[in-house]
């Protein structure tokens, strides 16, 4: 179990997620360089917010 760096909840990296989780994982690797440090909920939220506000990555 790991602790999420944003919400501080414990999470397991083993579970699969939605397309938003996949997008959040990509953003974690490519943009924020914090891959493996966030839970699925925070990854989903990051991806949804990026879709709304980071237009340079949505093309």
N, C-alpha and C. Protein backbone atom coordinates (compact mmCIF):
# COMPACT_ATOMS: atom_id res chain seq x y z
N UNK A 1 0.84 -1.19 0.00
CA UNK A 1 0.00 0.00 0.00
C UNK A 1 0.88 1.25 0.00
N UNK A 2 0.43 2.22 -0.77
CA UNK A 2 1.11 3.51 -0.83
C UNK A 2 0.16 4.60 -0.34
N UNK A 3 0.70 5.76 -0.07
CA UNK A 3 -0.11 6.90 0.34
C UNK A 3 -0.11 7.93 -0.78
N UNK A 4 -1.29 8.38 -1.15
CA UNK A 4 -1.45 9.38 -2.20
C UNK A 4 -0.85 10.71 -1.75
N UNK A 5 -0.11 11.36 -2.64
CA UNK A 5 0.53 12.62 -2.29
C UNK A 5 -0.43 13.80 -2.27
N UNK A 6 -1.62 13.62 -2.85
CA UNK A 6 -2.58 14.72 -2.86
C UNK A 6 -3.58 14.58 -1.71
N UNK A 7 -4.29 13.45 -1.65
CA UNK A 7 -5.35 13.30 -0.64
C UNK A 7 -4.91 12.55 0.60
N UNK A 8 -3.72 11.97 0.58
CA UNK A 8 -3.13 11.25 1.73
C UNK A 8 -3.83 9.94 2.07
N UNK A 9 -4.69 9.42 1.19
CA UNK A 9 -5.32 8.12 1.42
C UNK A 9 -4.40 7.01 0.95
N UNK A 10 -4.53 5.84 1.56
CA UNK A 10 -3.75 4.68 1.13
C UNK A 10 -4.40 4.07 -0.10
N UNK A 11 -3.57 3.58 -1.03
CA UNK A 11 -4.09 2.97 -2.25
C UNK A 11 -3.17 1.86 -2.71
N UNK A 12 -3.72 1.01 -3.57
CA UNK A 12 -2.96 -0.08 -4.17
C UNK A 12 -2.80 0.22 -5.65
N UNK A 13 -1.62 0.02 -6.17
CA UNK A 13 -1.37 0.28 -7.59
C UNK A 13 -1.91 -0.81 -8.50
N UNK A 14 -2.35 -1.92 -7.94
CA UNK A 14 -2.73 -3.07 -8.74
C UNK A 14 -4.04 -2.93 -9.49
N UNK A 15 -4.98 -2.15 -8.99
CA UNK A 15 -6.30 -2.11 -9.59
C UNK A 15 -6.32 -1.34 -10.90
N UNK A 16 -7.14 -1.83 -11.84
CA UNK A 16 -7.27 -1.17 -13.13
C UNK A 16 -8.33 -0.07 -13.02
N UNK A 17 -8.28 0.89 -13.92
CA UNK A 17 -9.18 2.02 -13.81
C UNK A 17 -9.83 2.41 -15.11
N UNK A 18 -10.49 3.52 -15.09
CA UNK A 18 -11.20 4.05 -16.24
C UNK A 18 -10.23 4.74 -17.20
N UNK A 19 -10.78 5.25 -18.28
CA UNK A 19 -9.95 5.99 -19.23
C UNK A 19 -9.41 7.27 -18.59
N UNK A 20 -10.15 7.80 -17.62
CA UNK A 20 -9.67 8.99 -16.92
C UNK A 20 -8.45 8.67 -16.06
N UNK A 21 -8.43 7.47 -15.48
CA UNK A 21 -7.26 7.05 -14.71
C UNK A 21 -6.07 6.91 -15.65
N UNK A 22 -6.29 6.32 -16.82
CA UNK A 22 -5.20 6.18 -17.81
C UNK A 22 -4.69 7.55 -18.23
N UNK A 23 -5.59 8.49 -18.46
CA UNK A 23 -5.17 9.84 -18.83
C UNK A 23 -4.40 10.50 -17.69
N UNK A 24 -4.88 10.31 -16.47
CA UNK A 24 -4.19 10.85 -15.30
C UNK A 24 -2.80 10.26 -15.13
N UNK A 25 -2.67 8.96 -15.42
CA UNK A 25 -1.35 8.31 -15.36
C UNK A 25 -0.41 8.91 -16.39
N UNK A 26 -0.93 9.16 -17.60
CA UNK A 26 -0.10 9.76 -18.64
C UNK A 26 0.36 11.16 -18.20
N UNK A 27 -0.57 11.95 -17.68
CA UNK A 27 -0.20 13.29 -17.20
C UNK A 27 0.82 13.22 -16.08
N UNK A 28 0.68 12.23 -15.21
CA UNK A 28 1.65 12.06 -14.11
C UNK A 28 3.04 11.76 -14.62
N UNK A 29 3.11 10.96 -15.68
CA UNK A 29 4.42 10.60 -16.24
C UNK A 29 5.01 11.73 -17.07
N UNK A 30 4.20 12.37 -17.89
CA UNK A 30 4.71 13.32 -18.86
C UNK A 30 4.76 14.78 -18.39
N UNK A 31 3.82 15.18 -17.56
CA UNK A 31 3.72 16.60 -17.22
C UNK A 31 4.18 16.91 -15.79
N UNK A 32 3.65 16.18 -14.81
CA UNK A 32 3.96 16.49 -13.42
C UNK A 32 5.05 15.62 -12.82
N UNK A 33 5.46 14.58 -13.49
CA UNK A 33 6.56 13.71 -13.07
C UNK A 33 6.35 13.14 -11.66
N UNK A 34 5.11 12.72 -11.38
CA UNK A 34 4.82 12.10 -10.08
C UNK A 34 4.10 10.76 -10.26
N UNK A 35 4.49 10.03 -11.29
CA UNK A 35 3.86 8.74 -11.59
C UNK A 35 4.00 7.78 -10.42
N UNK A 36 2.91 7.07 -10.14
CA UNK A 36 2.90 6.09 -9.07
C UNK A 36 2.68 6.65 -7.68
N UNK A 37 2.47 7.96 -7.59
CA UNK A 37 2.32 8.59 -6.28
C UNK A 37 0.90 9.04 -5.97
N UNK A 38 -0.05 8.83 -6.92
CA UNK A 38 -1.42 9.29 -6.73
C UNK A 38 -2.41 8.13 -6.80
N UNK A 39 -3.49 8.24 -6.02
CA UNK A 39 -4.55 7.22 -6.04
C UNK A 39 -5.40 7.39 -7.30
N UNK A 40 -6.26 6.42 -7.57
CA UNK A 40 -7.09 6.46 -8.77
C UNK A 40 -8.02 7.66 -8.78
N UNK A 41 -8.61 7.99 -7.64
CA UNK A 41 -9.53 9.13 -7.59
C UNK A 41 -8.82 10.43 -7.95
N UNK A 42 -7.63 10.64 -7.43
CA UNK A 42 -6.87 11.85 -7.75
C UNK A 42 -6.41 11.86 -9.20
N UNK A 43 -6.06 10.69 -9.74
CA UNK A 43 -5.69 10.61 -11.15
C UNK A 43 -6.88 10.97 -12.03
N UNK A 44 -8.06 10.44 -11.70
CA UNK A 44 -9.27 10.77 -12.47
C UNK A 44 -9.56 12.26 -12.40
N UNK A 45 -9.50 12.82 -11.20
CA UNK A 45 -9.78 14.25 -11.04
C UNK A 45 -8.78 15.10 -11.82
N UNK A 46 -7.53 14.72 -11.78
CA UNK A 46 -6.50 15.45 -12.52
C UNK A 46 -6.78 15.43 -14.02
N UNK A 47 -7.16 14.26 -14.53
CA UNK A 47 -7.44 14.14 -15.96
C UNK A 47 -8.65 14.98 -16.35
N UNK A 48 -9.69 14.96 -15.55
CA UNK A 48 -10.89 15.74 -15.86
C UNK A 48 -10.60 17.23 -15.82
N UNK A 49 -9.84 17.68 -14.83
CA UNK A 49 -9.47 19.09 -14.75
C UNK A 49 -8.57 19.49 -15.91
N UNK A 50 -7.67 18.61 -16.30
CA UNK A 50 -6.79 18.90 -17.43
C UNK A 50 -7.59 19.03 -18.72
N UNK A 51 -8.62 18.20 -18.88
CA UNK A 51 -9.47 18.31 -20.08
C UNK A 51 -10.15 19.67 -20.12
N UNK A 52 -10.52 20.19 -18.97
CA UNK A 52 -11.23 21.47 -18.93
C UNK A 52 -10.29 22.67 -19.05
N UNK A 53 -9.10 22.58 -18.47
CA UNK A 53 -8.28 23.78 -18.33
C UNK A 53 -6.92 23.76 -19.03
N UNK A 54 -6.41 22.62 -19.42
CA UNK A 54 -5.10 22.56 -20.09
C UNK A 54 -5.31 22.31 -21.58
N UNK A 55 -5.79 23.31 -22.26
CA UNK A 55 -6.14 23.16 -23.67
C UNK A 55 -4.95 22.80 -24.55
N UNK A 56 -3.76 23.18 -24.15
CA UNK A 56 -2.58 22.85 -24.96
C UNK A 56 -2.30 21.35 -25.00
N UNK A 57 -2.88 20.56 -24.07
CA UNK A 57 -2.70 19.11 -24.05
C UNK A 57 -3.92 18.37 -24.59
N UNK A 58 -4.93 19.08 -25.05
CA UNK A 58 -6.18 18.46 -25.50
C UNK A 58 -6.32 18.41 -27.01
N UNK A 59 -5.31 18.70 -27.73
CA UNK A 59 -5.44 18.72 -29.20
C UNK A 59 -4.95 17.45 -29.82
